[in-house]
Protein backbone atom coordinates (compact mmCIF):
# COMPACT_ATOMS: atom_id res chain seq x y z
CA UNK A 1 1.98 31.90 190.68
CA UNK A 2 0.14 31.24 187.42
CA UNK A 3 -2.28 33.72 185.87
CA UNK A 4 -4.92 32.42 183.47
CA UNK A 5 -6.26 35.07 181.10
CA UNK A 6 -8.17 35.41 177.86
CA UNK A 7 -6.67 38.90 177.41
CA UNK A 8 -3.77 39.32 174.97
CA UNK A 9 -2.53 42.35 176.93
CA UNK A 10 -1.77 40.16 179.94
CA UNK A 11 0.37 37.91 177.73
CA UNK A 12 2.21 40.94 176.33
CA UNK A 13 2.87 42.32 179.83
CA UNK A 14 4.40 39.02 180.91
CA UNK A 15 6.84 39.25 178.00
CA UNK A 16 7.81 42.82 178.91
CA UNK A 17 8.25 42.31 182.66
CA UNK A 18 9.51 38.72 182.64
CA UNK A 19 9.07 36.10 185.34
CA UNK A 20 7.28 35.56 187.66
CA UNK A 21 4.33 35.14 187.18
CA UNK A 22 3.67 32.61 184.46
CA UNK A 23 0.78 33.51 182.18
CA UNK A 24 -1.46 31.03 180.41
CA UNK A 25 -3.18 32.84 177.56
CA UNK A 26 -6.37 31.02 176.64
CA UNK A 27 -7.32 31.77 173.07
CA UNK A 28 -10.93 30.68 173.29
CA UNK A 29 -14.21 32.06 172.08
CA UNK A 30 -16.95 33.30 174.37
CA UNK A 31 -17.28 30.79 177.21
CA UNK A 32 -18.15 30.74 180.87
CA UNK A 33 -15.71 30.55 183.76
CA UNK A 34 -16.94 27.03 184.53
CA UNK A 35 -16.19 25.96 180.93
CA UNK A 36 -12.66 27.37 181.24
CA UNK A 37 -12.19 25.56 184.56
CA UNK A 38 -13.40 22.30 183.03
CA UNK A 39 -11.00 22.66 180.09
CA UNK A 40 -8.06 23.33 182.42
CA UNK A 41 -8.90 20.40 184.68
CA UNK A 42 -9.25 17.99 181.73
CA UNK A 43 -5.86 19.01 180.33
CA UNK A 44 -3.91 19.60 183.56
CA UNK A 45 -1.49 16.68 183.14
CA UNK A 46 -0.60 17.35 179.51
């Protein structure tokens, strides 16, 4: 399971409680869900 979040608290919780799940902390400005999806899809293979 992978959780995608723009919330720093979610990242901190993952450090406290360990794995799983994996957390991807997106440090982006104000953007729509579709913009986040597009960014993730463009960079999926990196």
